[in-house]
Amino acid sequence: MIAAQNLLPRPLLLTAVLAGLLALAACAPREAEKKPDALTLTPLAFSALPGWLDDDQSAALPALRKSCAYFARQSDATRLQPAPTDSQAPGLGGPGIGGYVGDWRAVCAAASQLPDGNPAAARAFFEREFKPFKAANNRDTQGLFTGYYEAELRGAKQPTGRYKVPLYKVPGDLVAVDLAEFGSEFSGRTIAGKVVQGKLRPYDDRATIERGSLKGKNLELLWVDDAIDAFFLHIQGSGRVVMDDGTVLRVGYAGKNGQPYVAIGRELVTRGVMKPEEVSMQGLRAWLKANPREAEPLMNANRSYVFFQETKGAGPHEGPIGAQTVALTPGRSLAVDRKFLPLGLPIWLDASHPDGAANSSSGEARIRRLVVAQDTGGAIRGPVRGDVFFGWGEQAAARAGAMRDRGEYYLLLPNAVAARNALPTS
């Protein structure tokens, strides 16, 4: 989920190899035609945002200011996302939904002048500088919303009897390729593997790596003391490792093996071990601990494997560095699908969560708050899909694990962007 950065193609890779792979992919039988995902937007007024007047929007300002600091390092002509594709909202032209960095200069300047801890001033700022739009996948406004946190593990720089589970750095023979470079019809698709006798082959899956395929290659970043903790670190994408000397080292996503991600919760449901409503991070961790003989085979059912790097730049009271290269803000940073949304965009979130306030009409507990798109992740796919960063520690883990339900969100576009794209406004 965190800091999912593309790896550069290696010189070993032959264009002819890829061309052959792509040709085969194009000739493969297609599954039943499914309407492609597409972001669609409906303009509305701020008064239509559910719970808008109940939130303290000033709590989202630190996150927005971090995004603004990132924009400040870019030129005015920099687009906040790639050129429009078929996945963009209908009617969007020019730079697309995020606009140019220059469109954000005045917004960011105004945000920097706002007083801290003043909900009324913050709310007035957002209502003055932005236009809200309800997001949908085609016409479906409902999407899946989950939570994540920064895991905390215990580790050491050298292996011992206690610390024997390695976290690996990116292998030198891993090749990651953005297929869009070989044709616009492959936009948004990537593959990874390794070159064997001039041909690109799939990279080792989790089970193969766990059996030792990377041993002896000097790829160990560090060692931790618990294989289950390491597995969930792979899912979370980043974490804090308390070293044996008491120091804290932060690690983050550096790459992955390109094998398919398999949710072990879904595996347990398929096997009849759990009911769908019983699947949570806490429940999965408890099951793995209680069933040590079956734990390793189940974890290996997820063939995806993540490689790590040491990360710096975030303060002790901040979250890890997200995909926008800014420190995440607990409760106010959201991971989104970058194929559809730009990073740095304020988003009004309305999703189920047991810690949220009760809906006056239905009684359902919901989180309704202003967040900022600042991260992405391998499982975050679709125009209406989000992952809330809850922070670190046991409480954050519990809150993140409890969030997995349907919800909606509303995009806040700067006035200049909405006007340039001729989007109707309320």
Protein backbone atom coordinates (compact mmCIF):
# COMPACT_ATOMS: atom_id res chain seq x y z
CA MET A 1 0.00 0.00 0.00
CA ILE A 2 2.72 2.49 0.79
CA ALA A 3 5.14 4.09 -1.62
CA ALA A 4 4.52 1.70 -4.47
CA GLN A 5 7.21 2.98 -6.83
CA ASN A 6 7.92 1.58 -10.27
CA LEU A 7 11.29 -0.05 -10.81
CA LEU A 8 13.29 1.00 -13.84
CA PRO A 9 13.58 -1.58 -16.64
CA ARG A 10 16.96 -3.33 -16.64
CA PRO A 11 19.20 -3.26 -19.74
CA LEU A 12 19.03 -7.06 -19.81
CA LEU A 13 15.49 -6.99 -21.07
CA LEU A 14 15.13 -7.38 -24.81
CA THR A 15 12.40 -5.43 -26.56
CA ALA A 16 11.78 -8.42 -28.78
CA VAL A 17 11.01 -10.57 -25.74
CA LEU A 18 8.35 -8.14 -24.60
CA ALA A 19 6.91 -7.77 -28.03
CA GLY A 20 6.40 -11.51 -28.17
CA LEU A 21 4.77 -11.55 -24.74
CA LEU A 22 2.43 -8.75 -25.67
CA ALA A 23 1.46 -10.44 -28.91
CA LEU A 24 0.59 -13.60 -27.03
CA ALA A 25 -1.42 -11.62 -24.50
CA ALA A 26 -3.36 -9.93 -27.28
CA CYS A 27 -4.22 -13.30 -28.82
CA ALA A 28 -5.32 -14.92 -25.55
CA PRO A 29 -9.04 -15.73 -25.23
CA ARG A 30 -10.96 -13.02 -23.48
CA GLU A 31 -13.28 -13.52 -20.56
CA ALA A 32 -16.83 -12.32 -20.79
CA GLU A 33 -16.87 -8.65 -21.74
CA LYS A 34 -17.00 -6.40 -18.69
CA LYS A 35 -17.61 -2.71 -18.81
CA PRO A 36 -14.25 -1.08 -18.13
CA ASP A 37 -13.80 0.96 -14.98
CA ALA A 38 -14.35 4.67 -15.56
CA LEU A 39 -14.37 7.58 -13.16
CA THR A 40 -17.53 9.66 -13.50
CA LEU A 41 -18.25 12.85 -11.55
CA THR A 42 -21.44 14.57 -10.46
CA PRO A 43 -21.29 18.18 -9.22
CA LEU A 44 -23.04 19.13 -6.00
CA ALA A 45 -22.96 21.69 -3.21
CA PHE A 46 -20.91 21.43 -0.01
CA SER A 47 -24.20 21.32 1.87
CA ALA A 48 -24.88 17.98 0.16
CA LEU A 49 -21.76 16.34 1.61
CA PRO A 50 -23.02 14.02 4.39
CA GLY A 51 -21.64 15.18 7.73
CA TRP A 52 -19.66 18.09 6.28
CA LEU A 53 -20.59 20.45 9.13
CA ASP A 54 -19.66 17.89 11.79
CA ASP A 55 -16.00 17.44 10.83
CA ASP A 56 -13.03 19.48 12.02
CA GLN A 57 -11.56 20.23 8.58
CA SER A 58 -8.58 21.95 10.21
CA ALA A 59 -7.34 18.45 11.15
CA ALA A 60 -6.78 17.78 7.43
CA LEU A 61 -4.69 20.93 6.89
CA PRO A 62 -1.36 19.35 7.96
CA ALA A 63 -1.84 16.66 5.31
CA LEU A 64 -2.77 19.20 2.62
CA ARG A 65 0.21 21.40 3.51
CA LYS A 66 2.54 18.43 3.07
CA SER A 67 1.14 17.88 -0.41
CA CYS A 68 1.58 21.59 -1.10
CA ALA A 69 5.23 21.32 -0.05
CA TYR A 70 5.62 18.60 -2.67
CA PHE A 71 3.93 20.79 -5.30
CA ALA A 72 6.28 23.65 -4.40
CA ARG A 73 9.19 21.58 -5.75
CA GLN A 74 7.47 21.11 -9.12
CA SER A 75 7.13 23.48 -12.07
CA ASP A 76 3.79 25.15 -12.82
CA ALA A 77 3.49 23.06 -16.00
CA THR A 78 3.74 19.74 -14.14
CA ARG A 79 0.57 17.67 -14.39
CA LEU A 80 -0.71 16.01 -11.25
CA GLN A 81 -1.35 12.80 -13.18
CA PRO A 82 -0.75 11.33 -16.63
CA ALA A 83 -2.62 12.58 -19.67
CA PRO A 84 -6.31 11.63 -19.82
CA THR A 85 -7.13 8.06 -20.82
CA ASP A 86 -10.35 6.13 -21.23
CA SER A 87 -10.44 5.79 -17.44
CA GLN A 88 -10.80 9.55 -16.94
CA ALA A 89 -14.04 11.25 -16.12
CA PRO A 90 -16.05 12.09 -19.25
CA GLY A 91 -15.56 15.67 -20.37
CA LEU A 92 -12.15 16.09 -18.82
CA GLY A 93 -9.63 17.54 -21.22
CA GLY A 94 -6.30 19.28 -20.97
CA PRO A 95 -4.27 18.03 -18.02
CA GLY A 96 -7.01 15.85 -16.62
CA ILE A 97 -8.68 15.75 -13.25
CA GLY A 98 -5.73 17.02 -11.21
CA GLY A 99 -4.87 19.98 -13.40
CA TYR A 100 -1.41 21.54 -13.42
CA VAL A 101 0.68 22.32 -10.37
CA GLY A 102 0.24 25.99 -11.26
CA ASP A 103 -3.48 25.59 -10.56
CA TRP A 104 -2.62 24.81 -6.93
CA ARG A 105 -0.28 27.73 -6.17
CA ALA A 106 -2.95 30.13 -4.89
CA VAL A 107 -4.76 27.32 -3.05
CA CYS A 108 -1.57 26.26 -1.26
CA ALA A 109 -0.63 29.85 -0.46
CA ALA A 110 -4.03 30.37 1.18
CA ALA A 111 -3.72 27.09 3.10
CA SER A 112 -0.35 28.18 4.51
CA GLN A 113 -1.93 31.30 6.00
CA LEU A 114 -4.77 29.55 7.82
CA PRO A 115 -4.65 29.46 11.63
CA ASP A 116 -4.14 26.03 13.16
CA GLY A 117 -7.00 24.44 15.07
CA ASN A 118 -9.71 26.70 13.66
CA PRO A 119 -12.45 24.48 12.14
CA ALA A 120 -14.57 27.40 10.91
CA ALA A 121 -11.67 29.05 9.05
CA ALA A 122 -10.63 25.74 7.51
CA ARG A 123 -14.18 24.92 6.41
CA ALA A 124 -14.59 28.36 4.82
CA PHE A 125 -11.26 27.91 3.00
CA PHE A 126 -12.29 24.63 1.39
CA GLU A 127 -15.72 25.96 0.45
CA ARG A 128 -14.09 29.01 -1.14
CA GLU A 129 -11.24 27.33 -3.03
CA PHE A 130 -12.77 24.02 -4.18
CA LYS A 131 -15.78 22.51 -5.93
CA PRO A 132 -17.10 19.13 -4.72
CA PHE A 133 -17.95 16.26 -7.08
CA LYS A 134 -19.41 12.88 -6.19
CA ALA A 135 -17.23 10.12 -7.64
CA ALA A 136 -18.57 6.96 -9.25
CA ASN A 137 -17.37 3.98 -11.23
CA ASN A 138 -19.52 4.60 -14.27
CA ARG A 139 -22.75 5.16 -12.28
CA ASP A 140 -21.90 3.05 -9.23
CA THR A 141 -21.03 5.42 -6.37
CA GLN A 142 -20.28 2.62 -3.90
CA GLY A 143 -16.79 1.22 -3.45
CA LEU A 144 -14.69 -0.73 -0.97
CA PHE A 145 -12.91 1.15 1.81
CA THR A 146 -10.33 -0.44 4.06
CA GLY A 147 -7.75 0.71 6.59
CA TYR A 148 -4.03 0.23 7.06
CA TYR A 149 -1.42 1.11 9.65
CA GLU A 150 2.33 1.19 10.15
CA ALA A 151 3.37 -2.16 11.56
CA GLU A 152 5.88 -2.40 14.41
CA LEU A 153 8.32 -5.29 14.47
CA ARG A 154 11.45 -6.24 16.40
CA GLY A 155 14.64 -6.86 14.49
CA ALA A 156 18.43 -6.86 14.17
CA LYS A 157 21.06 -6.16 11.54
CA GLN A 158 22.55 -9.65 11.91
CA PRO A 159 20.74 -13.00 12.17
CA THR A 160 20.57 -14.72 15.55
CA GLY A 161 18.58 -17.53 17.08
CA ARG A 162 15.80 -15.03 17.72
CA TYR A 163 16.08 -12.87 14.61
CA LYS A 164 15.98 -15.25 11.66
CA VAL A 165 13.26 -13.96 9.29
CA PRO A 166 14.88 -11.82 6.56
CA LEU A 167 13.48 -8.70 4.95
CA TYR A 168 14.99 -8.59 1.48
CA LYS A 169 16.14 -5.69 -0.65
CA VAL A 170 15.27 -5.56 -4.37
CA PRO A 171 17.16 -8.31 -6.22
CA GLY A 172 19.44 -7.14 -9.01
CA ASP A 173 17.87 -9.52 -11.53
CA LEU A 174 14.30 -8.27 -10.99
CA VAL A 175 12.95 -6.57 -14.11
CA ALA A 176 9.80 -4.40 -13.85
CA VAL A 177 8.21 -3.08 -17.04
CA ASP A 178 5.52 -0.48 -17.65
CA LEU A 179 3.65 -2.00 -20.60
CA ALA A 180 2.23 1.40 -21.59
CA GLU A 181 5.63 2.10 -23.15
CA PHE A 182 4.83 -0.58 -25.72
CA GLY A 183 1.31 0.54 -26.60
CA SER A 184 -1.45 2.71 -25.17
CA GLU A 185 -3.77 -0.31 -25.08
CA PHE A 186 -1.65 -1.60 -22.19
CA SER A 187 -1.98 1.59 -20.13
CA GLY A 188 -1.98 0.91 -16.40
CA ARG A 189 -0.47 -2.57 -16.77
CA THR A 190 2.94 -3.69 -15.56
CA ILE A 191 4.78 -6.99 -15.45
CA ALA A 192 7.84 -8.12 -13.53
CA GLY A 193 10.15 -11.06 -13.91
CA LYS A 194 13.72 -12.04 -14.65
CA VAL A 195 15.59 -12.72 -17.86
CA VAL A 196 16.59 -16.35 -18.31
CA GLN A 197 18.47 -17.26 -21.51
CA GLY A 198 17.18 -14.14 -23.25
CA LYS A 199 13.55 -14.66 -22.25
CA LEU A 200 11.52 -12.87 -19.59
CA ARG A 201 10.28 -15.41 -17.06
CA PRO A 202 8.11 -14.99 -13.95
CA TYR A 203 10.07 -14.10 -10.84
CA ASP A 204 10.23 -16.47 -7.86
CA ASP A 205 6.98 -16.64 -5.92
CA ARG A 206 6.66 -16.34 -2.14
CA ALA A 207 7.04 -20.07 -1.47
CA THR A 208 10.21 -20.28 -3.57
CA ILE A 209 11.75 -17.27 -1.83
CA GLU A 210 10.78 -18.62 1.60
CA ARG A 211 12.56 -21.87 0.70
CA GLY A 212 15.76 -19.87 0.26
CA SER A 213 16.10 -18.87 -3.41
CA LEU A 214 17.57 -15.48 -2.43
CA LYS A 215 19.92 -16.72 0.30
CA GLY A 216 23.59 -16.01 -0.17
CA LYS A 217 23.02 -13.02 -2.46
CA ASN A 218 23.63 -10.33 0.18
CA LEU A 219 20.07 -9.02 -0.15
CA GLU A 220 19.09 -9.12 3.53
CA LEU A 221 18.16 -5.62 4.71
CA LEU A 222 17.67 -6.91 8.27
CA TRP A 223 16.17 -9.80 10.21
CA VAL A 224 12.99 -9.83 12.34
CA ASP A 225 11.78 -12.26 14.96
CA ASP A 226 8.35 -13.26 13.68
CA ALA A 227 7.33 -14.65 10.29
CA ILE A 228 3.68 -13.66 10.75
CA ASP A 229 4.63 -10.07 11.58
CA ALA A 230 6.83 -10.05 8.48
CA PHE A 231 3.94 -11.34 6.35
CA PHE A 232 1.65 -8.53 7.47
CA LEU A 233 4.47 -6.05 6.88
CA HIS A 234 4.42 -7.24 3.25
CA ILE A 235 0.72 -6.45 3.11
CA GLN A 236 1.02 -3.06 4.84
CA GLY A 237 4.06 -2.05 2.78
CA SER A 238 5.93 -0.19 5.52
CA GLY A 239 6.71 -0.38 9.20
CA ARG A 240 8.84 0.53 12.17
CA VAL A 241 11.41 -1.99 13.30
CA VAL A 242 12.60 -1.67 16.89
CA MET A 243 16.18 -2.90 16.70
CA ASP A 244 17.86 -5.00 19.38
CA ASP A 245 19.88 -1.94 20.49
CA GLY A 246 16.68 0.10 21.04
CA THR A 247 16.90 2.28 17.93
CA VAL A 248 13.99 2.47 15.50
CA LEU A 249 14.54 1.80 11.80
CA ARG A 250 11.79 2.46 9.29
CA VAL A 251 11.39 0.26 6.25
CA GLY A 252 9.20 0.80 3.21
CA TYR A 253 8.17 -0.72 -0.09
CA ALA A 254 10.92 -0.90 -2.72
CA GLY A 255 9.47 -3.36 -5.23
CA LYS A 256 7.63 -6.65 -5.66
CA ASN A 257 8.09 -9.90 -7.50
CA GLY A 258 5.19 -9.41 -9.93
CA GLN A 259 3.34 -12.54 -8.84
CA PRO A 260 -0.42 -12.22 -8.17
CA TYR A 261 -1.62 -11.03 -4.78
CA VAL A 262 -3.93 -13.51 -3.06
CA ALA A 263 -5.92 -12.43 0.01
CA ILE A 264 -5.51 -15.15 2.63
CA GLY A 265 -8.81 -14.12 4.22
CA ARG A 266 -10.58 -15.02 1.00
CA GLU A 267 -8.71 -18.33 0.99
CA LEU A 268 -10.00 -19.17 4.47
CA VAL A 269 -13.54 -18.24 3.45
CA THR A 270 -13.26 -20.46 0.36
CA ARG A 271 -12.08 -23.32 2.54
CA GLY A 272 -15.00 -22.81 4.92
CA VAL A 273 -12.72 -21.95 7.83
CA MET A 274 -14.10 -18.42 8.24
CA LYS A 275 -17.24 -16.57 7.31
CA PRO A 276 -16.78 -13.35 5.30
CA GLU A 277 -17.89 -11.19 8.22
CA GLU A 278 -15.25 -12.83 10.44
CA VAL A 279 -12.32 -11.81 8.25
CA SER A 280 -10.25 -9.03 9.79
CA MET A 281 -6.57 -8.37 10.30
CA GLN A 282 -6.85 -9.33 13.95
CA GLY A 283 -8.80 -12.48 13.12
CA LEU A 284 -6.31 -13.58 10.47
CA ARG A 285 -3.35 -12.97 12.77
CA ALA A 286 -5.00 -14.93 15.57
CA TRP A 287 -5.76 -17.85 13.23
CA LEU A 288 -2.17 -17.99 11.95
CA LYS A 289 -0.82 -17.96 15.53
CA ALA A 290 -3.23 -20.69 16.60
CA ASN A 291 -2.49 -22.92 13.58
CA PRO A 292 1.31 -22.92 13.17
CA ARG A 293 1.43 -26.00 10.93
CA GLU A 294 -1.02 -24.49 8.47
CA ALA A 295 0.24 -20.92 8.74
CA GLU A 296 3.17 -21.17 6.33
CA PRO A 297 1.23 -22.92 3.52
CA LEU A 298 -1.58 -20.39 3.86
CA MET A 299 0.78 -17.41 3.73
CA ASN A 300 2.51 -18.94 0.71
CA ALA A 301 -0.86 -19.07 -1.06
CA ASN A 302 -0.23 -15.35 -1.54
CA ARG A 303 2.41 -15.60 -4.25
CA SER A 304 3.19 -11.88 -4.17
CA TYR A 305 6.37 -10.92 -2.33
CA VAL A 306 7.50 -7.41 -1.36
CA PHE A 307 11.06 -6.12 -1.19
CA PHE A 308 12.02 -3.35 1.23
CA GLN A 309 14.35 -0.42 1.69
CA GLU A 310 15.24 1.75 4.67
CA THR A 311 13.18 4.92 4.56
CA LYS A 312 14.00 8.30 6.07
CA GLY A 313 12.44 11.74 6.10
CA ALA A 314 9.48 11.24 8.45
CA GLY A 315 9.52 12.54 12.00
CA PRO A 316 8.87 10.33 15.05
CA HIS A 317 5.30 11.64 15.34
CA GLU A 318 4.51 11.28 11.63
CA GLY A 319 3.51 8.32 9.53
CA PRO A 320 5.76 6.70 6.93
CA ILE A 321 6.56 8.31 3.59
CA GLY A 322 3.73 7.60 1.16
CA ALA A 323 3.64 7.42 -2.62
CA GLN A 324 3.62 11.22 -2.90
CA THR A 325 6.95 11.21 -1.00
CA VAL A 326 5.41 13.03 1.97
CA ALA A 327 4.88 11.72 5.50
CA LEU A 328 1.39 10.32 5.99
CA THR A 329 -0.98 11.89 8.54
CA PRO A 330 -2.88 9.42 10.77
CA GLY A 331 -6.59 9.48 10.03
CA ARG A 332 -6.23 12.06 7.26
CA SER A 333 -4.17 10.35 4.53
CA LEU A 334 -5.87 8.07 2.00
CA ALA A 335 -4.42 5.54 -0.42
CA VAL A 336 -6.13 5.62 -3.83
CA ASP A 337 -5.75 4.15 -7.30
CA ARG A 338 -3.40 6.50 -9.16
CA LYS A 339 -4.81 5.32 -12.45
CA PHE A 340 -7.89 7.39 -11.67
CA LEU A 341 -6.97 9.99 -9.05
CA PRO A 342 -4.01 12.33 -8.58
CA LEU A 343 -2.11 12.45 -5.34
CA GLY A 344 -2.64 15.58 -3.27
CA LEU A 345 -6.37 15.83 -3.96
CA PRO A 346 -8.65 16.54 -0.94
CA ILE A 347 -11.44 13.96 -0.66
CA TRP A 348 -14.56 13.88 1.48
CA LEU A 349 -14.94 10.33 2.80
CA ASP A 350 -18.21 8.70 3.87
CA ALA A 351 -17.64 5.07 4.84
CA SER A 352 -18.71 2.53 7.46
CA HIS A 353 -16.50 2.07 10.51
CA PRO A 354 -17.39 0.91 14.04
CA ASP A 355 -15.56 3.89 15.56
CA GLY A 356 -17.52 6.41 13.52
CA ALA A 357 -20.50 8.48 14.55
CA ALA A 358 -23.93 6.88 14.25
CA ASN A 359 -26.00 7.89 11.24
CA SER A 360 -29.11 9.63 12.51
CA SER A 361 -31.37 7.87 10.01
CA SER A 362 -29.93 4.34 9.91
CA GLY A 363 -27.96 4.13 13.14
CA GLU A 364 -24.96 2.80 11.18
CA ALA A 365 -21.58 4.02 12.43
CA ARG A 366 -19.72 5.92 9.73
CA ILE A 367 -16.49 7.85 9.32
CA ARG A 368 -17.19 11.16 7.61
CA ARG A 369 -14.13 13.31 7.32
CA LEU A 370 -11.83 15.23 5.01
CA VAL A 371 -8.77 13.27 3.87
CA VAL A 372 -6.02 13.82 1.29
CA ALA A 373 -4.97 11.31 -1.39
CA GLN A 374 -1.28 10.74 -0.61
CA ASP A 375 -0.60 7.05 -1.11
CA THR A 376 -1.40 4.02 -3.22
CA GLY A 377 -1.14 0.24 -2.96
CA GLY A 378 -1.24 -2.99 -4.90
CA ALA A 379 -4.73 -3.89 -3.66
CA ILE A 380 -6.17 -0.41 -4.19
CA ARG A 381 -7.81 -0.67 -7.59
CA GLY A 382 -10.77 1.21 -9.06
CA PRO A 383 -12.30 4.67 -9.38
CA VAL A 384 -14.05 4.38 -6.00
CA ARG A 385 -11.59 2.62 -3.69
CA GLY A 386 -9.69 3.87 -0.68
CA ASP A 387 -7.47 2.78 2.16
CA VAL A 388 -7.35 5.00 5.27
CA PHE A 389 -4.03 5.33 7.09
CA PHE A 390 -4.73 5.03 10.85
CA GLY A 391 -1.22 5.49 12.25
CA TRP A 392 0.89 3.00 14.21
CA GLY A 393 0.65 0.89 17.34
CA GLU A 394 -1.97 -1.53 18.63
CA GLN A 395 -4.87 0.94 18.56
CA ALA A 396 -4.15 1.89 14.96
CA ALA A 397 -3.91 -1.80 14.02
CA ALA A 398 -7.30 -2.47 15.63
CA ARG A 399 -8.96 0.47 13.87
CA ALA A 400 -7.42 -0.44 10.52
CA GLY A 401 -8.41 -4.08 10.84
CA ALA A 402 -12.01 -3.13 11.65
CA MET A 403 -12.47 -1.16 8.43
CA ARG A 404 -13.62 -3.14 5.43
CA ASP A 405 -16.96 -2.05 4.06
CA ARG A 406 -18.73 -0.14 1.34
CA GLY A 407 -18.68 3.62 1.18
CA GLU A 408 -18.52 6.67 -1.05
CA TYR A 409 -16.25 9.62 -1.60
CA TYR A 410 -16.41 13.09 -3.06
CA LEU A 411 -13.53 14.81 -4.84
CA LEU A 412 -12.68 18.43 -4.09
CA LEU A 413 -11.28 20.01 -7.25
CA PRO A 414 -9.64 23.45 -7.24
CA ASN A 415 -11.83 26.08 -8.87
CA ALA A 416 -9.29 26.63 -11.65
CA VAL A 417 -9.25 22.94 -12.58
CA ALA A 418 -13.04 22.63 -12.58
CA ALA A 419 -13.34 25.77 -14.74
CA ARG A 420 -10.69 24.75 -17.26
CA ASN A 421 -12.27 21.37 -17.85
CA ALA A 422 -15.68 22.98 -18.32
CA LEU A 423 -17.09 20.84 -15.56
CA PRO A 424 -20.55 21.92 -14.40
CA THR A 425 -20.51 23.29 -10.88
CA SER A 426 -23.19 23.60 -8.29
